[in-house]
Amino acid sequence: MAKRKLTRRQNWRIQKIQEERAARASKKDASIDQQLDSSDLGPEQHGLIISHFGRTVDVEASDGDIQGEIFRCHMRTNLGQLVTGDRVIWRMGKESGVVVAKQERTTELLRPNPYGEMKPVAANIDFIVITIAVEPTPFANLIDRYLVASELSGIEPVILLNKTDLLTEKNRKAVDEILQRYRDLDYQVLEASSSSEQGLSQLKEKLKNRISVFVGQSGVGKSSLINMLLPGVDLKVGELSAQTKKGKHTTTTARLFHFPDGGDLIDSPGIREFGLWHIEPDQVIEGFKELRSVSGMCQFRDCKHEKEPGCALKNAVEDGTISTQRWNSYKHIVCSIEEQQN
């Protein structure tokens, strides 16, 4: 889809808004600098960002007598964008604290904003729990998009089927076929139900002592699962529309929670579709592990995997080594990226 050309007045308004935002940020930084130069702030200490609210964050103290306590802190603009899961250095003030440094991230989860810019939503994650459900109907292409994002981010994916209590003779076969496709690729696939509590023990054990983030369509039951995994958290739960079977977004900001037996869970805002237009079409193949393993075996080095002779990928599809469904999903994602870029 071609980008809409802005008028001169629209460009002027956008520039003016950006200048005003920059001025406000500069004023805020000047105020923070004044605090840093005074004796009002305490010593530097380690902390963990557990939630983000515009220009402020909630930081959980990691040191000393206040370990585990939460403090609202301002951020310096020159630190870049801080997100839930970031490990930081902060100083305590009289009314609020100030984050003065960010520690290096091991991983980060990105997603596009409405302007197509990639923004981090969570950091230092071990598992991306790709949550699907019996209702709303799971779509393999959406799962594949999350898997591509996981593979390219270097974060291990776990596929979780929720609402197994809704499985019937009518829908079980289709759901089982989807899940088996990913088991055949050695992806970890778990099943659970927040209603019947089936599979929750296995899920807890998998996430123990690791940092995880739940992603998936709205309505798949992420909040309900977290309420079961973390008694007392009581996240707001949205109901499915009776007509569309699609959920309403209930989470407004990413927040980190601690498991009682160790490990952390980041609940991220609901995402109906994970955009991948920030990557080039030829990068998509790196997100499909079975395609990646044979992509270098084509007869021609610059093979586009279309009509070229000796294409190892097409040969693998024909002999059943690569599933037709995954191949079609790969092609669909590539086409959607090319359409966005044209």
Protein backbone atom coordinates (compact mmCIF):
# COMPACT_ATOMS: atom_id res chain seq x y z
CA MET A 1 0.00 0.00 0.00
CA ALA A 2 1.50 3.35 -1.06
CA LYS A 3 2.20 5.92 1.62
CA ARG A 4 -0.20 8.87 1.67
CA LYS A 5 1.50 12.10 0.56
CA LEU A 6 1.13 14.86 3.12
CA THR A 7 0.29 18.46 2.26
CA ARG A 8 2.64 21.32 3.16
CA ARG A 9 0.34 22.36 6.01
CA GLN A 10 0.19 18.80 7.36
CA ASN A 11 3.98 18.57 7.31
CA TRP A 12 4.16 21.93 9.11
CA ARG A 13 1.74 20.77 11.80
CA ILE A 14 3.67 17.53 12.31
CA GLN A 15 6.96 19.43 12.62
CA LYS A 16 5.38 21.89 15.06
CA ILE A 17 4.05 19.08 17.25
CA GLN A 18 7.44 17.39 17.25
CA GLU A 19 9.16 20.63 18.23
CA GLU A 20 6.70 21.15 21.09
CA ARG A 21 7.26 17.60 22.32
CA ALA A 22 11.02 18.09 22.16
CA ALA A 23 10.72 21.33 24.11
CA ARG A 24 8.64 19.65 26.82
CA ALA A 25 11.13 16.79 27.03
CA SER A 26 14.02 19.26 27.27
CA LYS A 27 12.24 21.13 30.07
CA LYS A 28 11.64 17.87 31.92
CA ASP A 29 15.30 16.89 31.49
CA ALA A 30 16.37 20.28 32.82
CA SER A 31 14.26 19.67 35.92
CA ILE A 32 15.77 16.21 36.35
CA ASP A 33 19.27 17.60 35.84
CA GLN A 34 18.58 20.14 38.57
CA GLN A 35 17.61 17.31 40.90
CA LEU A 36 20.72 15.34 39.95
CA ASP A 37 22.92 18.33 40.76
CA SER A 38 21.26 18.78 44.14
CA SER A 39 21.52 16.65 47.24
CA ASP A 40 17.86 15.65 47.08
CA LEU A 41 18.55 12.32 45.38
CA GLY A 42 19.87 9.22 47.06
CA PRO A 43 22.74 6.98 45.88
CA GLU A 44 22.66 4.99 42.63
CA GLN A 45 21.08 1.54 42.90
CA HIS A 46 19.85 -1.26 40.69
CA GLY A 47 16.23 -1.67 39.69
CA LEU A 48 13.84 -3.40 37.31
CA ILE A 49 11.17 -1.62 35.26
CA ILE A 50 7.88 -3.39 35.86
CA SER A 51 5.58 -0.99 34.00
CA HIS A 52 5.74 2.08 31.77
CA PHE A 53 3.54 5.20 31.77
CA GLY A 54 4.62 7.71 29.15
CA ARG A 55 7.43 9.78 30.69
CA THR A 56 7.45 7.80 33.95
CA VAL A 57 8.06 4.17 34.88
CA ASP A 58 7.50 1.97 37.91
CA VAL A 59 10.87 0.67 39.11
CA GLU A 60 11.20 -2.24 41.50
CA ALA A 61 14.21 -1.87 43.77
CA SER A 62 16.75 -4.71 43.53
CA ASP A 63 19.12 -3.70 46.34
CA GLY A 64 19.25 -3.41 50.11
CA ASP A 65 16.43 -3.00 52.60
CA ILE A 66 13.98 -1.68 50.00
CA GLN A 67 14.41 -4.67 47.65
CA GLY A 68 11.03 -5.54 46.12
CA GLU A 69 9.48 -2.12 46.79
CA ILE A 70 8.12 -0.15 43.80
CA PHE A 71 8.88 3.51 43.06
CA ARG A 72 7.52 5.84 40.36
CA CYS A 73 10.49 7.33 38.47
CA HIS A 74 11.14 9.89 35.73
CA MET A 75 13.41 9.05 32.80
CA ARG A 76 16.19 10.95 31.07
CA THR A 77 15.53 11.44 27.34
CA ASN A 78 19.09 10.48 26.42
CA LEU A 79 18.50 6.96 27.77
CA GLY A 80 16.40 6.04 24.75
CA GLN A 81 13.10 4.25 25.10
CA LEU A 82 12.82 2.21 28.28
CA VAL A 83 10.37 -0.69 28.46
CA THR A 84 9.07 -3.25 30.90
CA GLY A 85 11.81 -5.74 31.73
CA ASP A 86 14.67 -3.25 31.41
CA ARG A 87 17.28 -3.39 34.16
CA VAL A 88 18.26 0.13 35.16
CA ILE A 89 20.26 2.27 37.57
CA TRP A 90 18.10 4.77 39.48
CA ARG A 91 18.23 7.25 42.34
CA MET A 92 15.54 7.91 44.91
CA GLY A 93 14.12 11.41 45.38
CA LYS A 94 11.76 13.03 47.89
CA GLU A 95 8.63 12.62 45.77
CA SER A 96 9.81 10.35 42.96
CA GLY A 97 12.94 8.69 41.68
CA VAL A 98 15.03 9.26 38.58
CA VAL A 99 16.34 6.59 36.19
CA VAL A 100 19.90 7.60 35.36
CA ALA A 101 21.20 4.64 33.30
CA LYS A 102 20.01 1.59 31.39
CA GLN A 103 21.82 -1.74 31.46
CA GLU A 104 22.41 -3.72 28.29
CA ARG A 105 19.49 -5.85 27.07
CA THR A 106 19.86 -9.54 26.29
CA THR A 107 16.75 -9.58 24.07
CA GLU A 108 13.91 -7.25 23.13
CA LEU A 109 10.46 -7.70 21.63
CA LEU A 110 9.54 -5.13 18.98
CA ARG A 111 6.26 -4.22 17.36
CA PRO A 112 5.24 -1.44 14.96
CA ASN A 113 3.42 1.66 16.10
CA PRO A 114 0.62 3.19 13.95
CA TYR A 115 3.29 4.98 11.87
CA GLY A 116 5.14 1.79 11.00
CA GLU A 117 8.07 2.58 13.30
CA MET A 118 9.41 -0.33 15.32
CA LYS A 119 9.22 0.20 19.05
CA PRO A 120 10.33 -2.14 21.85
CA VAL A 121 7.52 -3.36 24.12
CA ALA A 122 9.47 -5.64 26.48
CA ALA A 123 13.10 -6.50 27.21
CA ASN A 124 15.27 -9.35 28.52
CA ILE A 125 12.74 -12.05 27.63
CA ASP A 126 13.46 -15.79 27.65
CA PHE A 127 10.15 -17.10 26.25
CA ILE A 128 7.50 -15.70 23.93
CA VAL A 129 4.32 -17.60 24.84
CA ILE A 130 2.27 -17.54 21.65
CA THR A 131 -1.21 -17.94 23.03
CA ILE A 132 -3.99 -19.27 20.84
CA ALA A 133 -7.39 -20.65 21.80
CA VAL A 134 -10.15 -22.88 20.56
CA GLU A 135 -12.17 -19.64 20.33
CA PRO A 136 -11.45 -17.28 18.63
CA THR A 137 -10.48 -19.68 15.84
CA PRO A 138 -6.68 -20.06 15.65
CA PHE A 139 -5.08 -19.14 12.32
CA ALA A 140 -1.78 -20.76 11.39
CA ASN A 141 -0.56 -17.69 9.49
CA LEU A 142 -0.89 -15.54 12.62
CA ILE A 143 1.04 -18.15 14.61
CA ASP A 144 3.72 -18.15 11.90
CA ARG A 145 4.02 -14.37 12.12
CA TYR A 146 4.72 -14.65 15.83
CA LEU A 147 7.19 -17.45 15.17
CA VAL A 148 9.04 -15.36 12.58
CA ALA A 149 9.20 -12.48 15.08
CA SER A 150 10.48 -14.87 17.76
CA GLU A 151 13.11 -16.44 15.51
CA LEU A 152 14.41 -13.08 14.29
CA SER A 153 14.44 -11.71 17.85
CA GLY A 154 16.38 -14.68 19.16
CA ILE A 155 13.68 -15.41 21.75
CA GLU A 156 12.48 -18.99 22.23
CA PRO A 157 8.78 -19.42 21.35
CA VAL A 158 6.31 -21.59 23.22
CA ILE A 159 2.94 -22.26 21.59
CA LEU A 160 0.10 -22.46 24.12
CA LEU A 161 -3.42 -23.62 23.29
CA ASN A 162 -5.85 -22.16 25.81
CA LYS A 163 -9.54 -22.92 26.43
CA THR A 164 -9.12 -26.67 25.84
CA ASP A 165 -12.42 -27.13 27.69
CA LEU A 166 -14.09 -25.84 24.50
CA LEU A 167 -12.73 -28.68 22.36
CA THR A 168 -15.46 -30.78 20.76
CA GLU A 169 -15.68 -33.57 18.23
CA LYS A 170 -16.48 -30.92 15.64
CA ASN A 171 -13.42 -28.68 16.12
CA ARG A 172 -10.83 -31.02 17.68
CA LYS A 173 -9.45 -32.43 14.42
CA ALA A 174 -8.67 -29.01 12.89
CA VAL A 175 -6.99 -27.79 16.09
CA ASP A 176 -4.95 -30.99 16.47
CA GLU A 177 -3.72 -30.73 12.87
CA ILE A 178 -2.46 -27.19 13.48
CA LEU A 179 -0.68 -28.11 16.70
CA GLN A 180 0.89 -31.26 15.27
CA ARG A 181 2.41 -29.24 12.45
CA TYR A 182 4.44 -27.27 15.01
CA ARG A 183 5.28 -30.30 17.13
CA ASP A 184 6.76 -31.87 14.00
CA LEU A 185 9.05 -28.82 13.78
CA ASP A 186 10.18 -29.38 17.40
CA TYR A 187 8.40 -26.32 18.74
CA GLN A 188 7.26 -26.62 22.35
CA VAL A 189 3.45 -26.92 22.35
CA LEU A 190 1.45 -26.80 25.58
CA GLU A 191 -2.27 -27.03 26.26
CA ALA A 192 -4.18 -25.46 29.12
CA SER A 193 -7.54 -24.22 30.32
CA SER A 194 -8.01 -21.42 32.81
CA SER A 195 -11.58 -22.68 33.39
CA SER A 196 -10.80 -26.32 34.20
CA GLU A 197 -7.19 -25.59 35.32
CA GLN A 198 -5.98 -28.38 33.02
CA GLY A 199 -2.28 -28.07 32.11
CA LEU A 200 -1.54 -25.16 34.46
CA SER A 201 1.04 -27.12 36.48
CA GLN A 202 2.98 -28.00 33.34
CA LEU A 203 2.83 -24.37 32.18
CA LYS A 204 4.07 -23.09 35.55
CA GLU A 205 6.98 -25.50 35.48
CA LYS A 206 7.95 -24.41 31.96
CA LEU A 207 7.99 -20.73 32.93
CA LYS A 208 9.68 -21.19 36.31
CA ASN A 209 12.79 -19.05 36.84
CA ARG A 210 12.50 -17.56 33.34
CA ILE A 211 11.17 -14.25 31.99
CA SER A 212 8.21 -14.74 29.66
CA VAL A 213 5.82 -12.59 27.68
CA PHE A 214 2.36 -13.66 26.52
CA VAL A 215 1.31 -12.58 23.03
CA GLY A 216 -1.72 -13.41 20.91
CA GLN A 217 -5.05 -12.26 19.58
CA SER A 218 -7.41 -10.45 21.91
CA GLY A 219 -9.87 -12.89 23.41
CA VAL A 220 -7.57 -15.91 23.64
CA GLY A 221 -7.58 -15.67 27.43
CA LYS A 222 -4.17 -14.24 28.32
CA SER A 223 -5.53 -12.26 31.26
CA SER A 224 -7.55 -15.22 32.56
CA LEU A 225 -4.46 -17.43 32.41
CA ILE A 226 -2.40 -14.88 34.31
CA ASN A 227 -5.11 -14.61 36.95
CA MET A 228 -4.81 -18.38 37.45
CA LEU A 229 -1.01 -18.41 37.38
CA LEU A 230 -0.75 -15.42 39.73
CA PRO A 231 -3.55 -15.50 42.30
CA GLY A 232 -4.38 -12.03 43.55
CA VAL A 233 -3.29 -10.15 40.44
CA ASP A 234 -6.88 -10.01 39.15
CA LEU A 235 -6.29 -8.56 35.69
CA LYS A 236 -9.33 -7.21 33.89
CA VAL A 237 -10.80 -9.90 31.65
CA GLY A 238 -12.61 -9.06 28.41
CA GLU A 239 -15.46 -11.14 27.05
CA LEU A 240 -15.70 -12.37 23.48
CA SER A 241 -18.27 -10.75 21.26
CA ALA A 242 -21.07 -13.29 20.77
CA GLN A 243 -21.33 -12.38 17.09
CA THR A 244 -17.72 -12.00 15.96
CA LYS A 245 -15.95 -14.29 18.48
CA LYS A 246 -13.25 -11.60 18.65
CA GLY A 247 -12.03 -10.17 21.90
CA LYS A 248 -11.74 -6.62 23.11
CA HIS A 249 -8.37 -5.27 24.22
CA THR A 250 -8.22 -5.14 28.03
CA THR A 251 -4.52 -4.55 28.79
CA THR A 252 -3.28 -0.99 28.25
CA THR A 253 0.39 -1.24 29.24
CA ALA A 254 2.96 -3.99 29.56
CA ARG A 255 3.49 -5.00 33.18
CA LEU A 256 5.84 -7.46 34.86
CA PHE A 257 4.68 -9.88 37.54
CA HIS A 258 6.66 -12.31 39.70
CA PHE A 259 5.79 -15.98 40.00
CA PRO A 260 5.72 -17.09 43.66
CA ASP A 261 8.20 -19.91 42.97
CA GLY A 262 10.55 -17.85 40.78
CA GLY A 263 10.50 -16.33 37.33
CA ASP A 264 8.69 -13.35 35.84
CA LEU A 265 5.82 -12.85 33.44
CA ILE A 266 5.24 -9.77 31.29
CA ASP A 267 1.66 -9.18 30.21
CA SER A 268 1.75 -7.19 26.97
CA PRO A 269 -1.05 -5.29 25.22
CA GLY A 270 -3.29 -7.42 23.02
CA ILE A 271 -2.18 -7.64 19.41
CA ARG A 272 -4.56 -8.86 16.72
CA GLU A 273 -1.84 -9.11 14.08
CA PHE A 274 1.91 -8.89 14.47
CA GLY A 275 3.26 -6.60 11.75
CA LEU A 276 6.41 -7.72 9.96
CA TRP A 277 6.72 -5.00 7.36
CA HIS A 278 9.84 -3.65 9.11
CA ILE A 279 11.88 -6.51 7.66
CA GLU A 280 12.89 -7.17 4.09
CA PRO A 281 11.12 -10.00 2.20
CA ASP A 282 14.31 -12.05 1.94
CA GLN A 283 14.62 -12.02 5.75
CA VAL A 284 11.34 -13.86 6.26
CA ILE A 285 12.94 -17.17 5.35
CA GLU A 286 15.16 -16.86 8.45
CA GLY A 287 12.01 -17.06 10.56
CA PHE A 288 10.99 -20.43 9.11
CA LYS A 289 13.43 -22.94 10.58
CA GLU A 290 12.67 -25.71 8.06
CA LEU A 291 13.09 -23.33 5.11
CA ARG A 292 16.23 -21.80 6.55
CA SER A 293 17.94 -25.20 6.73
CA VAL A 294 17.63 -25.83 2.97
CA SER A 295 17.62 -22.29 1.55
CA GLY A 296 21.32 -22.44 0.68
CA MET A 297 20.93 -25.58 -1.43
CA CYS A 298 19.22 -23.97 -4.43
CA GLN A 299 20.90 -24.32 -7.85
CA PHE A 300 21.21 -20.54 -8.15
CA ARG A 301 22.59 -18.38 -5.35
CA ASP A 302 20.09 -15.57 -6.07
CA CYS A 303 17.10 -17.95 -6.28
CA LYS A 304 13.84 -16.17 -5.51
CA HIS A 305 12.03 -19.48 -4.92
CA GLU A 306 9.48 -18.68 -7.59
CA LYS A 307 9.98 -20.30 -11.02
CA GLU A 308 13.73 -20.91 -10.98
CA PRO A 309 14.89 -24.45 -11.79
CA GLY A 310 16.67 -26.37 -9.06
CA CYS A 311 14.92 -24.55 -6.20
CA ALA A 312 15.62 -26.60 -3.07
CA LEU A 313 12.63 -25.13 -1.26
CA LYS A 314 10.08 -26.01 -3.92
CA ASN A 315 11.60 -29.48 -4.23
CA ALA A 316 11.27 -29.94 -0.46
CA VAL A 317 7.61 -28.93 -0.63
CA GLU A 318 6.96 -31.37 -3.46
CA ASP A 319 8.54 -34.30 -1.63
CA GLY A 320 6.75 -33.47 1.64
CA THR A 321 9.83 -32.42 3.62
CA ILE A 322 8.29 -28.97 4.00
CA SER A 323 4.54 -28.78 4.62
CA THR A 324 2.42 -27.09 1.97
CA GLN A 325 0.66 -25.08 4.68
CA ARG A 326 3.89 -23.61 6.03
CA TRP A 327 5.16 -22.89 2.50
CA ASN A 328 1.92 -21.07 1.65
CA SER A 329 2.16 -19.16 4.92
CA TYR A 330 5.73 -18.10 4.07
CA LYS A 331 4.63 -16.89 0.62
CA HIS A 332 1.68 -15.02 2.12
CA ILE A 333 3.89 -13.19 4.61
CA VAL A 334 6.42 -12.25 1.90
CA CYS A 335 3.63 -10.93 -0.35
CA SER A 336 2.11 -8.89 2.48
CA ILE A 337 5.49 -7.28 3.20
CA GLU A 338 6.06 -6.47 -0.49
CA GLU A 339 2.60 -4.90 -0.72
CA GLN A 340 3.31 -2.71 2.31
CA GLN A 341 6.64 -1.57 0.84
CA ASN A 342 5.27 -0.73 -2.62
